[in-house]
Amino acid sequence: KSECEGWRSSTLNRLRATGREVTAYTPCHYNGAEKWKFQV
């Protein structure tokens, strides 16, 4: 979960830094075969 949260944070920062408007995102959650994941 901590690895997922780190990547989510850096992904959101990257998108905002490149002028994208983040409209929504999910918290990191466990999903069996996909392990820990998030969506933006």
PDB file of all heavy atoms in Angstrom:
ATOM      1  N   LYS A   1       0.834  -1.202   0.000  1.00  0.00           N
ATOM      2  CA  LYS A   1       0.000   0.000   0.000  1.00  0.00           C
ATOM      3  C   LYS A   1       0.873   1.258   0.000  1.00  0.00           C
ATOM      4  O   LYS A   1       0.568   2.229  -0.696  1.00  0.00           O
ATOM      5  CB  LYS A   1      -0.930  -0.007   1.209  1.00  0.00           C
ATOM      6  CG  LYS A   1      -1.884   1.156   1.229  1.00  0.00           C
ATOM      7  CD  LYS A   1      -2.867   1.087   2.386  1.00  0.00           C
ATOM      8  CE  LYS A   1      -3.835   2.251   2.338  1.00  0.00           C
ATOM      9  NZ  LYS A   1      -4.811   2.205   3.418  1.00  0.00           N
ATOM     10  N   SER A   2       1.955   1.250   0.739  1.00  0.00           N
ATOM     11  CA  SER A   2       2.815   2.435   0.793  1.00  0.00           C
ATOM     12  C   SER A   2       3.477   2.717  -0.562  1.00  0.00           C
ATOM     13  O   SER A   2       3.631   3.879  -0.962  1.00  0.00           O
ATOM     14  CB  SER A   2       3.868   2.308   1.888  1.00  0.00           C
ATOM     15  OG  SER A   2       4.695   1.204   1.654  1.00  0.00           O
ATOM     16  N   GLU A   3       3.856   1.672  -1.281  1.00  0.00           N
ATOM     17  CA  GLU A   3       4.411   1.853  -2.629  1.00  0.00           C
ATOM     18  C   GLU A   3       3.352   2.463  -3.544  1.00  0.00           C
ATOM     19  O   GLU A   3       3.629   3.395  -4.313  1.00  0.00           O
ATOM     20  CB  GLU A   3       4.884   0.509  -3.193  1.00  0.00           C
ATOM     21  CG  GLU A   3       5.460   0.618  -4.597  1.00  0.00           C
ATOM     22  CD  GLU A   3       5.767  -0.735  -5.225  1.00  0.00           C
ATOM     23  OE1 GLU A   3       5.303  -1.780  -4.714  1.00  0.00           O
ATOM     24  OE2 GLU A   3       6.484  -0.732  -6.251  1.00  0.00           O
ATOM     25  N   CYS A   4       2.136   1.971  -3.451  1.00  0.00           N
ATOM     26  CA  CYS A   4       1.028   2.484  -4.258  1.00  0.00           C
ATOM     27  C   CYS A   4       0.778   3.967  -3.951  1.00  0.00           C
ATOM     28  O   CYS A   4       0.625   4.784  -4.866  1.00  0.00           O
ATOM     29  CB  CYS A   4      -0.232   1.660  -3.984  1.00  0.00           C
ATOM     30  SG  CYS A   4      -1.691   2.205  -4.877  1.00  0.00           S
ATOM     31  N   GLU A   5       0.762   4.318  -2.662  1.00  0.00           N
ATOM     32  CA  GLU A   5       0.512   5.699  -2.270  1.00  0.00           C
ATOM     33  C   GLU A   5       1.623   6.638  -2.753  1.00  0.00           C
ATOM     34  O   GLU A   5       1.366   7.772  -3.155  1.00  0.00           O
ATOM     35  CB  GLU A   5       0.333   5.800  -0.759  1.00  0.00           C
ATOM     36  CG  GLU A   5      -0.981   5.201  -0.299  1.00  0.00           C
ATOM     37  CD  GLU A   5      -1.095   5.097   1.209  1.00  0.00           C
ATOM     38  OE1 GLU A   5      -0.065   5.178   1.923  1.00  0.00           O
ATOM     39  OE2 GLU A   5      -2.238   4.928   1.679  1.00  0.00           O
ATOM     40  N   GLY A   6       2.865   6.151  -2.741  1.00  0.00           N
ATOM     41  CA  GLY A   6       3.981   6.947  -3.252  1.00  0.00           C
ATOM     42  C   GLY A   6       3.840   7.230  -4.737  1.00  0.00           C
ATOM     43  O   GLY A   6       4.046   8.355  -5.196  1.00  0.00           O
ATOM     44  N   TRP A   7       3.480   6.192  -5.502  1.00  0.00           N
ATOM     45  CA  TRP A   7       3.301   6.370  -6.939  1.00  0.00           C
ATOM     46  C   TRP A   7       2.082   7.242  -7.249  1.00  0.00           C
ATOM     47  O   TRP A   7       2.108   8.033  -8.180  1.00  0.00           O
ATOM     48  CB  TRP A   7       3.172   5.019  -7.643  1.00  0.00           C
ATOM     49  CG  TRP A   7       4.502   4.402  -7.890  1.00  0.00           C
ATOM     50  CD1 TRP A   7       5.104   3.407  -7.174  1.00  0.00           C
ATOM     51  CD2 TRP A   7       5.428   4.761  -8.917  1.00  0.00           C
ATOM     52  NE1 TRP A   7       6.336   3.126  -7.691  1.00  0.00           N
ATOM     53  CE2 TRP A   7       6.563   3.935  -8.767  1.00  0.00           C
ATOM     54  CE3 TRP A   7       5.404   5.683  -9.946  1.00  0.00           C
ATOM     55  CZ2 TRP A   7       7.666   4.035  -9.605  1.00  0.00           C
ATOM     56  CZ3 TRP A   7       6.507   5.785 -10.784  1.00  0.00           C
ATOM     57  CH2 TRP A   7       7.617   4.963 -10.610  1.00  0.00           C
ATOM     58  N   ARG A   8       1.030   7.103  -6.446  1.00  0.00           N
ATOM     59  CA  ARG A   8      -0.150   7.946  -6.664  1.00  0.00           C
ATOM     60  C   ARG A   8       0.201   9.415  -6.448  1.00  0.00           C
ATOM     61  O   ARG A   8      -0.143  10.275  -7.253  1.00  0.00           O
ATOM     62  CB  ARG A   8      -1.291   7.537  -5.743  1.00  0.00           C
ATOM     63  CG  ARG A   8      -2.575   8.329  -6.044  1.00  0.00           C
ATOM     64  CD  ARG A   8      -3.651   8.085  -5.045  1.00  0.00           C
ATOM     65  NE  ARG A   8      -3.238   8.725  -3.796  1.00  0.00           N
ATOM     66  CZ  ARG A   8      -3.834   8.565  -2.646  1.00  0.00           C
ATOM     67  NH1 ARG A   8      -4.860   7.763  -2.532  1.00  0.00           N
ATOM     68  NH2 ARG A   8      -3.414   9.178  -1.576  1.00  0.00           N
ATOM     69  N   SER A   9       0.920   9.699  -5.377  1.00  0.00           N
ATOM     70  CA  SER A   9       1.325  11.069  -5.079  1.00  0.00           C
ATOM     71  C   SER A   9       2.172  11.663  -6.207  1.00  0.00           C
ATOM     72  O   SER A   9       1.934  12.777  -6.659  1.00  0.00           O
ATOM     73  CB  SER A   9       2.088  11.108  -3.758  1.00  0.00           C
ATOM     74  OG  SER A   9       2.510  12.404  -3.478  1.00  0.00           O
ATOM     75  N   SER A  10       3.160  10.908  -6.657  1.00  0.00           N
ATOM     76  CA  SER A  10       4.032  11.425  -7.729  1.00  0.00           C
ATOM     77  C   SER A  10       3.278  11.558  -9.045  1.00  0.00           C
ATOM     78  O   SER A  10       3.524  12.492  -9.820  1.00  0.00           O
ATOM     79  CB  SER A  10       5.271  10.551  -7.895  1.00  0.00           C
ATOM     80  OG  SER A  10       4.934   9.261  -8.317  1.00  0.00           O
ATOM     81  N   THR A  11       2.332  10.660  -9.306  1.00  0.00           N
ATOM     82  CA  THR A  11       1.521  10.747 -10.527  1.00  0.00           C
ATOM     83  C   THR A  11       0.655  11.998 -10.515  1.00  0.00           C
ATOM     84  O   THR A  11       0.578  12.726 -11.513  1.00  0.00           O
ATOM     85  CB  THR A  11       0.640   9.489 -10.691  1.00  0.00           C
ATOM     86  OG1 THR A  11       1.487   8.341 -10.790  1.00  0.00           O
ATOM     87  CG2 THR A  11      -0.234   9.577 -11.921  1.00  0.00           C
ATOM     88  N   LEU A  12      -0.004  12.267  -9.384  1.00  0.00           N
ATOM     89  CA  LEU A  12      -0.834  13.468  -9.276  1.00  0.00           C
ATOM     90  C   LEU A  12       0.016  14.726  -9.434  1.00  0.00           C
ATOM     91  O   LEU A  12      -0.378  15.668 -10.144  1.00  0.00           O
ATOM     92  CB  LEU A  12      -1.585  13.479  -7.951  1.00  0.00           C
ATOM     93  CG  LEU A  12      -2.634  12.375  -7.761  1.00  0.00           C
ATOM     94  CD1 LEU A  12      -3.197  12.417  -6.340  1.00  0.00           C
ATOM     95  CD2 LEU A  12      -3.744  12.482  -8.779  1.00  0.00           C
ATOM     96  N   ASN A  13       1.192  14.750  -8.812  1.00  0.00           N
ATOM     97  CA  ASN A  13       2.088  15.904  -8.939  1.00  0.00           C
ATOM     98  C   ASN A  13       2.552  16.098 -10.378  1.00  0.00           C
ATOM     99  O   ASN A  13       2.618  17.223 -10.865  1.00  0.00           O
ATOM    100  CB  ASN A  13       3.298  15.760  -8.011  1.00  0.00           C
ATOM    101  CG  ASN A  13       2.916  15.910  -6.556  1.00  0.00           C
ATOM    102  OD1 ASN A  13       1.900  16.527  -6.223  1.00  0.00           O
ATOM    103  ND2 ASN A  13       3.722  15.342  -5.671  1.00  0.00           N
ATOM    104  N   ARG A  14       2.880  14.997 -11.053  1.00  0.00           N
ATOM    105  CA  ARG A  14       3.326  15.078 -12.452  1.00  0.00           C
ATOM    106  C   ARG A  14       2.233  15.627 -13.348  1.00  0.00           C
ATOM    107  O   ARG A  14       2.467  16.500 -14.190  1.00  0.00           O
ATOM    108  CB  ARG A  14       3.760  13.698 -12.954  1.00  0.00           C
ATOM    109  CG  ARG A  14       4.141  13.660 -14.430  1.00  0.00           C
ATOM    110  CD  ARG A  14       4.498  12.243 -14.892  1.00  0.00           C
ATOM    111  NE  ARG A  14       3.512  11.234 -14.566  1.00  0.00           N
ATOM    112  CZ  ARG A  14       2.412  10.986 -15.298  1.00  0.00           C
ATOM    113  NH1 ARG A  14       2.152  11.685 -16.381  1.00  0.00           N
ATOM    114  NH2 ARG A  14       1.592  10.022 -14.946  1.00  0.00           N
ATOM    115  N   LEU A  15       0.999  15.124 -13.175  1.00  0.00           N
ATOM    116  CA  LEU A  15      -0.108  15.586 -14.005  1.00  0.00           C
ATOM    117  C   LEU A  15      -0.372  17.074 -13.789  1.00  0.00           C
ATOM    118  O   LEU A  15      -0.558  17.830 -14.746  1.00  0.00           O
ATOM    119  CB  LEU A  15      -1.376  14.780 -13.713  1.00  0.00           C
ATOM    120  CG  LEU A  15      -1.359  13.330 -14.198  1.00  0.00           C
ATOM    121  CD1 LEU A  15      -2.557  12.574 -13.653  1.00  0.00           C
ATOM    122  CD2 LEU A  15      -1.349  13.293 -15.724  1.00  0.00           C
ATOM    123  N   ARG A  16      -0.386  17.501 -12.540  1.00  0.00           N
ATOM    124  CA  ARG A  16      -0.634  18.915 -12.238  1.00  0.00           C
ATOM    125  C   ARG A  16       0.503  19.797 -12.749  1.00  0.00           C
ATOM    126  O   ARG A  16       0.270  20.899 -13.237  1.00  0.00           O
ATOM    127  CB  ARG A  16      -0.839  19.093 -10.741  1.00  0.00           C
ATOM    128  CG  ARG A  16      -2.151  18.488 -10.274  1.00  0.00           C
ATOM    129  CD  ARG A  16      -2.333  18.596  -8.771  1.00  0.00           C
ATOM    130  NE  ARG A  16      -3.614  18.015  -8.363  1.00  0.00           N
ATOM    131  CZ  ARG A  16      -3.774  17.198  -7.344  1.00  0.00           C
ATOM    132  NH1 ARG A  16      -2.737  16.871  -6.586  1.00  0.00           N
ATOM    133  NH2 ARG A  16      -4.961  16.714  -7.049  1.00  0.00           N
ATOM    134  N   ALA A  17       1.733  19.318 -12.668  1.00  0.00           N
ATOM    135  CA  ALA A  17       2.886  20.095 -13.126  1.00  0.00           C
ATOM    136  C   ALA A  17       2.891  20.271 -14.643  1.00  0.00           C
ATOM    137  O   ALA A  17       3.455  21.238 -15.149  1.00  0.00           O
ATOM    138  CB  ALA A  17       4.183  19.422 -12.677  1.00  0.00           C
ATOM    139  N   THR A  18       2.260  19.346 -15.351  1.00  0.00           N
ATOM    140  CA  THR A  18       2.211  19.445 -16.813  1.00  0.00           C
ATOM    141  C   THR A  18       0.929  20.124 -17.297  1.00  0.00           C
ATOM    142  O   THR A  18       0.603  20.073 -18.473  1.00  0.00           O
ATOM    143  CB  THR A  18       2.333  18.055 -17.473  1.00  0.00           C
ATOM    144  OG1 THR A  18       1.303  17.195 -16.973  1.00  0.00           O
ATOM    145  CG2 THR A  18       3.691  17.443 -17.200  1.00  0.00           C
ATOM    146  N   GLY A  19       0.199  20.754 -16.370  1.00  0.00           N
ATOM    147  CA  GLY A  19      -0.966  21.544 -16.764  1.00  0.00           C
ATOM    148  C   GLY A  19      -2.269  20.774 -16.853  1.00  0.00           C
ATOM    149  O   GLY A  19      -3.275  21.317 -17.299  1.00  0.00           O
ATOM    150  N   ARG A  20      -2.272  19.543 -16.451  1.00  0.00           N
ATOM    151  CA  ARG A  20      -3.511  18.758 -16.465  1.00  0.00           C
ATOM    152  C   ARG A  20      -4.360  19.107 -15.254  1.00  0.00           C
ATOM    153  O   ARG A  20      -3.830  19.432 -14.196  1.00  0.00           O
ATOM    154  CB  ARG A  20      -3.226  17.259 -16.447  1.00  0.00           C
ATOM    155  CG  ARG A  20      -2.338  16.783 -17.554  1.00  0.00           C
ATOM    156  CD  ARG A  20      -3.051  16.819 -18.855  1.00  0.00           C
ATOM    157  NE  ARG A  20      -2.238  16.154 -19.860  1.00  0.00           N
ATOM    158  CZ  ARG A  20      -2.408  16.342 -21.135  1.00  0.00           C
ATOM    159  NH1 ARG A  20      -3.348  17.137 -21.570  1.00  0.00           N
ATOM    160  NH2 ARG A  20      -1.646  15.723 -21.998  1.00  0.00           N
ATOM    161  N   GLU A  21      -5.660  19.019 -15.416  1.00  0.00           N
ATOM    162  CA  GLU A  21      -6.575  19.229 -14.296  1.00  0.00           C
ATOM    163  C   GLU A  21      -7.069  17.870 -13.826  1.00  0.00           C
ATOM    164  O   GLU A  21      -7.799  17.186 -14.540  1.00  0.00           O
ATOM    165  CB  GLU A  21      -7.760  20.091 -14.730  1.00  0.00           C
ATOM    166  CG  GLU A  21      -8.748  20.342 -13.625  1.00  0.00           C
ATOM    167  CD  GLU A  21      -9.958  21.122 -14.086  1.00  0.00           C
ATOM    168  OE1 GLU A  21      -9.888  21.789 -15.123  1.00  0.00           O
ATOM    169  OE2 GLU A  21     -10.996  21.024 -13.401  1.00  0.00           O
ATOM    170  N   VAL A  22      -6.654  17.471 -12.652  1.00  0.00           N
ATOM    171  CA  VAL A  22      -7.086  16.191 -12.082  1.00  0.00           C
ATOM    172  C   VAL A  22      -8.514  16.374 -11.594  1.00  0.00           C
ATOM    173  O   VAL A  22      -8.791  17.219 -10.758  1.00  0.00           O
ATOM    174  CB  VAL A  22      -6.158  15.748 -10.936  1.00  0.00           C
ATOM    175  CG1 VAL A  22      -6.676  14.473 -10.294  1.00  0.00           C
ATOM    176  CG2 VAL A  22      -4.740  15.551 -11.447  1.00  0.00           C
ATOM    177  N   THR A  23      -9.435  15.582 -12.147  1.00  0.00           N
ATOM    178  CA  THR A  23     -10.845  15.715 -11.785  1.00  0.00           C
ATOM    179  C   THR A  23     -11.259  14.734 -10.696  1.00  0.00           C
ATOM    180  O   THR A  23     -12.197  15.011  -9.960  1.00  0.00           O
ATOM    181  CB  THR A  23     -11.754  15.523 -13.015  1.00  0.00           C
ATOM    182  OG1 THR A  23     -11.458  14.268 -13.628  1.00  0.00           O
ATOM    183  CG2 THR A  23     -11.518  16.630 -14.039  1.00  0.00           C
ATOM    184  N   ALA A  24     -10.570  13.603 -10.592  1.00  0.00           N
ATOM    185  CA  ALA A  24     -10.888  12.613  -9.550  1.00  0.00           C
ATOM    186  C   ALA A  24      -9.764  11.587  -9.474  1.00  0.00           C
ATOM    187  O   ALA A  24      -8.998  11.417 -10.420  1.00  0.00           O
ATOM    188  CB  ALA A  24     -12.197  11.914  -9.867  1.00  0.00           C
ATOM    189  N   TYR A  25      -9.702  10.915  -8.335  1.00  0.00           N
ATOM    190  CA  TYR A  25      -8.781   9.786  -8.190  1.00  0.00           C
ATOM    191  C   TYR A  25      -9.284   8.907  -7.056  1.00  0.00           C
ATOM    192  O   TYR A  25     -10.028   9.351  -6.193  1.00  0.00           O
ATOM    193  CB  TYR A  25      -7.332  10.238  -7.939  1.00  0.00           C
ATOM    194  CG  TYR A  25      -7.134  11.083  -6.708  1.00  0.00           C
ATOM    195  CD1 TYR A  25      -6.838  10.496  -5.485  1.00  0.00           C
ATOM    196  CD2 TYR A  25      -7.239  12.458  -6.774  1.00  0.00           C
ATOM    197  CE1 TYR A  25      -6.648  11.261  -4.360  1.00  0.00           C
ATOM    198  CE2 TYR A  25      -7.046  13.239  -5.653  1.00  0.00           C
ATOM    199  CZ  TYR A  25      -6.759  12.641  -4.441  1.00  0.00           C
ATOM    200  OH  TYR A  25      -6.568  13.411  -3.329  1.00  0.00           O
ATOM    201  N   THR A  26      -8.890   7.643  -7.108  1.00  0.00           N
ATOM    202  CA  THR A  26      -9.298   6.713  -6.062  1.00  0.00           C
ATOM    203  C   THR A  26      -8.154   6.542  -5.081  1.00  0.00           C
ATOM    204  O   THR A  26      -6.987   6.705  -5.441  1.00  0.00           O
ATOM    205  CB  THR A  26      -9.659   5.327  -6.642  1.00  0.00           C
ATOM    206  OG1 THR A  26      -8.503   4.771  -7.259  1.00  0.00           O
ATOM    207  CG2 THR A  26     -10.791   5.416  -7.648  1.00  0.00           C
ATOM    208  N   PRO A  27      -8.473   6.180  -3.849  1.00  0.00           N
ATOM    209  CA  PRO A  27      -7.394   5.840  -2.919  1.00  0.00           C
ATOM    210  C   PRO A  27      -6.792   4.495  -3.342  1.00  0.00           C
ATOM    211  O   PRO A  27      -7.404   3.732  -4.099  1.00  0.00           O
ATOM    212  CB  PRO A  27      -8.113   5.734  -1.582  1.00  0.00           C
ATOM    213  CG  PRO A  27      -9.531   5.469  -1.911  1.00  0.00           C
ATOM    214  CD  PRO A  27      -9.788   6.116  -3.242  1.00  0.00           C
ATOM    215  N   CYS A  28      -5.610   4.216  -2.870  1.00  0.00           N
ATOM    216  CA  CYS A  28      -5.007   2.915  -3.150  1.00  0.00           C
ATOM    217  C   CYS A  28      -5.844   1.832  -2.470  1.00  0.00           C
ATOM    218  O   CYS A  28      -6.223   1.964  -1.310  1.00  0.00           O
ATOM    219  CB  CYS A  28      -3.577   2.880  -2.620  1.00  0.00           C
ATOM    220  SG  CYS A  28      -2.457   3.917  -3.561  1.00  0.00           S
ATOM    221  N   HIS A  29      -6.155   0.802  -3.225  1.00  0.00           N
ATOM    222  CA  HIS A  29      -6.951  -0.291  -2.672  1.00  0.00           C
ATOM    223  C   HIS A  29      -6.476  -1.609  -3.266  1.00  0.00           C
ATOM    224  O   HIS A  29      -5.908  -1.648  -4.352  1.00  0.00           O
ATOM    225  CB  HIS A  29      -8.448  -0.071  -2.941  1.00  0.00           C
ATOM    226  CG  HIS A  29      -8.782   0.102  -4.389  1.00  0.00           C
ATOM    227  ND1 HIS A  29      -8.570   1.280  -5.072  1.00  0.00           N
ATOM    228  CD2 HIS A  29      -9.331  -0.760  -5.278  1.00  0.00           C
ATOM    229  CE1 HIS A  29      -8.961   1.145  -6.330  1.00  0.00           C
ATOM    230  NE2 HIS A  29      -9.424  -0.087  -6.489  1.00  0.00           N
ATOM    231  N   TYR A  30      -6.699  -2.689  -2.520  1.00  0.00           N
ATOM    232  CA  TYR A  30      -6.244  -4.015  -2.937  1.00  0.00           C
ATOM    233  C   TYR A  30      -7.316  -4.670  -3.792  1.00  0.00           C
ATOM    234  O   TYR A  30      -8.496  -4.620  -3.482  1.00  0.00           O
ATOM    235  CB  TYR A  30      -5.943  -4.892  -1.718  1.00  0.00           C
ATOM    236  CG  TYR A  30      -5.196  -6.144  -2.082  1.00  0.00           C
ATOM    237  CD1 TYR A  30      -3.837  -6.099  -2.353  1.00  0.00           C
ATOM    238  CD2 TYR A  30      -5.857  -7.365  -2.170  1.00  0.00           C
ATOM    239  CE1 TYR A  30      -3.129  -7.238  -2.698  1.00  0.00           C
ATOM    240  CE2 TYR A  30      -5.154  -8.516  -2.515  1.00  0.00           C
ATOM    241  CZ  TYR A  30      -3.803  -8.447  -2.780  1.00  0.00           C
ATOM    242  OH  TYR A  30      -3.110  -9.575  -3.126  1.00  0.00           O
ATOM    243  N   ASN A  31      -6.871  -5.266  -4.911  1.00  0.00           N
ATOM    244  CA  ASN A  31      -7.817  -5.871  -5.841  1.00  0.00           C
ATOM    245  C   ASN A  31      -7.278  -7.205  -6.350  1.00  0.00           C
ATOM    246  O   ASN A  31      -7.092  -7.386  -7.553  1.00  0.00           O
ATOM    247  CB  ASN A  31      -8.100  -4.903  -6.992  1.00  0.00           C
ATOM    248  CG  ASN A  31      -9.227  -5.377  -7.877  1.00  0.00           C
ATOM    249  OD1 ASN A  31      -9.923  -6.330  -7.559  1.00  0.00           O
ATOM    250  ND2 ASN A  31      -9.404  -4.725  -9.015  1.00  0.00           N
ATOM    251  N   GLY A  32      -7.011  -8.127  -5.469  1.00  0.00           N
ATOM    252  CA  GLY A  32      -6.624  -9.492  -5.842  1.00  0.00           C
ATOM    253  C   GLY A  32      -5.524  -9.576  -6.878  1.00  0.00           C
ATOM    254  O   GLY A  32      -4.370  -9.296  -6.604  1.00  0.00           O
ATOM    255  N   ALA A  33      -5.882  -9.965  -8.087  1.00  0.00           N
ATOM    256  CA  ALA A  33      -4.909 -10.213  -9.151  1.00  0.00           C
ATOM    257  C   ALA A  33      -4.130  -8.957  -9.540  1.00  0.00           C
ATOM    258  O   ALA A  33      -2.981  -9.051  -9.972  1.00  0.00           O
ATOM    259  CB  ALA A  33      -5.620 -10.785 -10.375  1.00  0.00           C
ATOM    260  N   GLU A  34      -4.735  -7.792  -9.383  1.00  0.00           N
ATOM    261  CA  GLU A  34      -4.051  -6.552  -9.744  1.00  0.00           C
ATOM    262  C   GLU A  34      -3.260  -5.964  -8.574  1.00  0.00           C
ATOM    263  O   GLU A  34      -2.689  -4.889  -8.691  1.00  0.00           O
ATOM    264  CB  GLU A  34      -5.057  -5.529 -10.266  1.00  0.00           C
ATOM    265  CG  GLU A  34      -5.710  -5.951 -11.571  1.00  0.00           C
ATOM    266  CD  GLU A  34      -6.713  -4.938 -12.064  1.00  0.00           C
ATOM    267  OE1 GLU A  34      -7.291  -4.197 -11.241  1.00  0.00           O
ATOM    268  OE2 GLU A  34      -6.909  -4.880 -13.277  1.00  0.00           O
ATOM    269  N   LYS A  35      -3.256  -6.651  -7.448  1.00  0.00           N
ATOM    270  CA  LYS A  35      -2.578  -6.204  -6.226  1.00  0.00           C
ATOM    271  C   LYS A  35      -3.086  -4.827  -5.826  1.00  0.00           C
ATOM    272  O   LYS A  35      -4.261  -4.535  -5.938  1.00  0.00           O
ATOM    273  CB  LYS A  35      -1.070  -6.257  -6.403  1.00  0.00           C
ATOM    274  CG  LYS A  35      -0.545  -7.670  -6.640  1.00  0.00           C
ATOM    275  CD  LYS A  35       0.960  -7.672  -6.631  1.00  0.00           C
ATOM    276  CE  LYS A  35       1.471  -9.102  -6.820  1.00  0.00           C
ATOM    277  NZ  LYS A  35       2.919  -9.142  -6.798  1.00  0.00           N
ATOM    278  N   TRP A  36      -2.192  -3.945  -5.337  1.00  0.00           N
ATOM    279  CA  TRP A  36      -2.593  -2.601  -4.953  1.00  0.00           C
ATOM    280  C   TRP A  36      -2.707  -1.737  -6.201  1.00  0.00           C
ATOM    281  O   TRP A  36      -1.862  -1.805  -7.091  1.00  0.00           O
ATOM    282  CB  TRP A  36      -1.586  -2.005  -3.976  1.00  0.00           C
ATOM    283  CG  TRP A  36      -1.664  -2.649  -2.635  1.00  0.00           C
ATOM    284  CD1 TRP A  36      -0.914  -3.683  -2.173  1.00  0.00           C
ATOM    285  CD2 TRP A  36      -2.577  -2.331  -1.597  1.00  0.00           C
ATOM    286  NE1 TRP A  36      -1.294  -4.033  -0.904  1.00  0.00           N
ATOM    287  CE2 TRP A  36      -2.323  -3.205  -0.521  1.00  0.00           C
ATOM    288  CE3 TRP A  36      -3.599  -1.386  -1.452  1.00  0.00           C
ATOM    289  CZ2 TRP A  36      -3.041  -3.163   0.666  1.00  0.00           C
ATOM    290  CZ3 TRP A  36      -4.304  -1.340  -0.263  1.00  0.00           C
ATOM    291  CH2 TRP A  36      -4.030  -2.216   0.778  1.00  0.00           C
ATOM    292  N   LYS A  37      -3.767  -0.933  -6.263  1.00  0.00           N
ATOM    293  CA  LYS A  37      -3.993  -0.133  -7.462  1.00  0.00           C
ATOM    294  C   LYS A  37      -4.677   1.177  -7.115  1.00  0.00           C
ATOM    295  O   LYS A  37      -5.216   1.346  -6.020  1.00  0.00           O
ATOM    296  CB  LYS A  37      -4.848  -0.899  -8.467  1.00  0.00           C
ATOM    297  CG  LYS A  37      -6.284  -1.171  -8.007  1.00  0.00           C
ATOM    298  CD  LYS A  37      -7.106  -1.902  -9.038  1.00  0.00           C
ATOM    299  CE  LYS A  37      -7.771  -0.931  -9.944  1.00  0.00           C
ATOM    300  NZ  LYS A  37      -8.678  -1.495 -10.914  1.00  0.00           N
ATOM    301  N   PHE A  38      -4.653   2.105  -8.073  1.00  0.00           N
ATOM    302  CA  PHE A  38      -5.425   3.342  -7.980  1.00  0.00           C
ATOM    303  C   PHE A  38      -5.776   3.803  -9.388  1.00  0.00           C
ATOM    304  O   PHE A  38      -5.209   3.330 -10.369  1.00  0.00           O
ATOM    305  CB  PHE A  38      -4.668   4.438  -7.198  1.00  0.00           C
ATOM    306  CG  PHE A  38      -3.420   4.938  -7.881  1.00  0.00           C
ATOM    307  CD1 PHE A  38      -3.454   6.075  -8.668  1.00  0.00           C
ATOM    308  CD2 PHE A  38      -2.201   4.297  -7.711  1.00  0.00           C
ATOM    309  CE1 PHE A  38      -2.306   6.546  -9.271  1.00  0.00           C
ATOM    310  CE2 PHE A  38      -1.054   4.761  -8.313  1.00  0.00           C
ATOM    311  CZ  PHE A  38      -1.103   5.901  -9.106  1.00  0.00           C
ATOM    312  N   GLN A  39      -6.718   4.706  -9.490  1.00  0.00           N
ATOM    313  CA  GLN A  39      -7.141   5.256 -10.774  1.00  0.00           C
ATOM    314  C   GLN A  39      -7.133   6.774 -10.689  1.00  0.00           C
ATOM    315  O   GLN A  39      -7.379   7.348  -9.632  1.00  0.00           O
ATOM    316  CB  GLN A  39      -8.548   4.785 -11.135  1.00  0.00           C
ATOM    317  CG  GLN A  39      -8.656   3.295 -11.360  1.00  0.00           C
ATOM    318  CD  GLN A  39     -10.081   2.848 -11.584  1.00  0.00           C
ATOM    319  OE1 GLN A  39     -10.963   3.240 -10.829  1.00  0.00           O
ATOM    320  NE2 GLN A  39     -10.312   2.070 -12.607  1.00  0.00           N
ATOM    321  N   VAL A  40      -6.870   7.409 -11.820  1.00  0.00           N
ATOM    322  CA  VAL A  40      -6.845   8.865 -11.900  1.00  0.00           C
ATOM    323  C   VAL A  40      -7.639   9.299 -13.128  1.00  0.00           C
ATOM    324  O   VAL A  40      -7.499   8.714 -14.202  1.00  0.00           O
ATOM    325  CB  VAL A  40      -5.400   9.395 -12.016  1.00  0.00           C
ATOM    326  CG1 VAL A  40      -5.376  10.908 -12.167  1.00  0.00           C
ATOM    327  CG2 VAL A  40      -4.569   8.969 -10.839  1.00  0.00           C
TER     328      VAL A  40
END
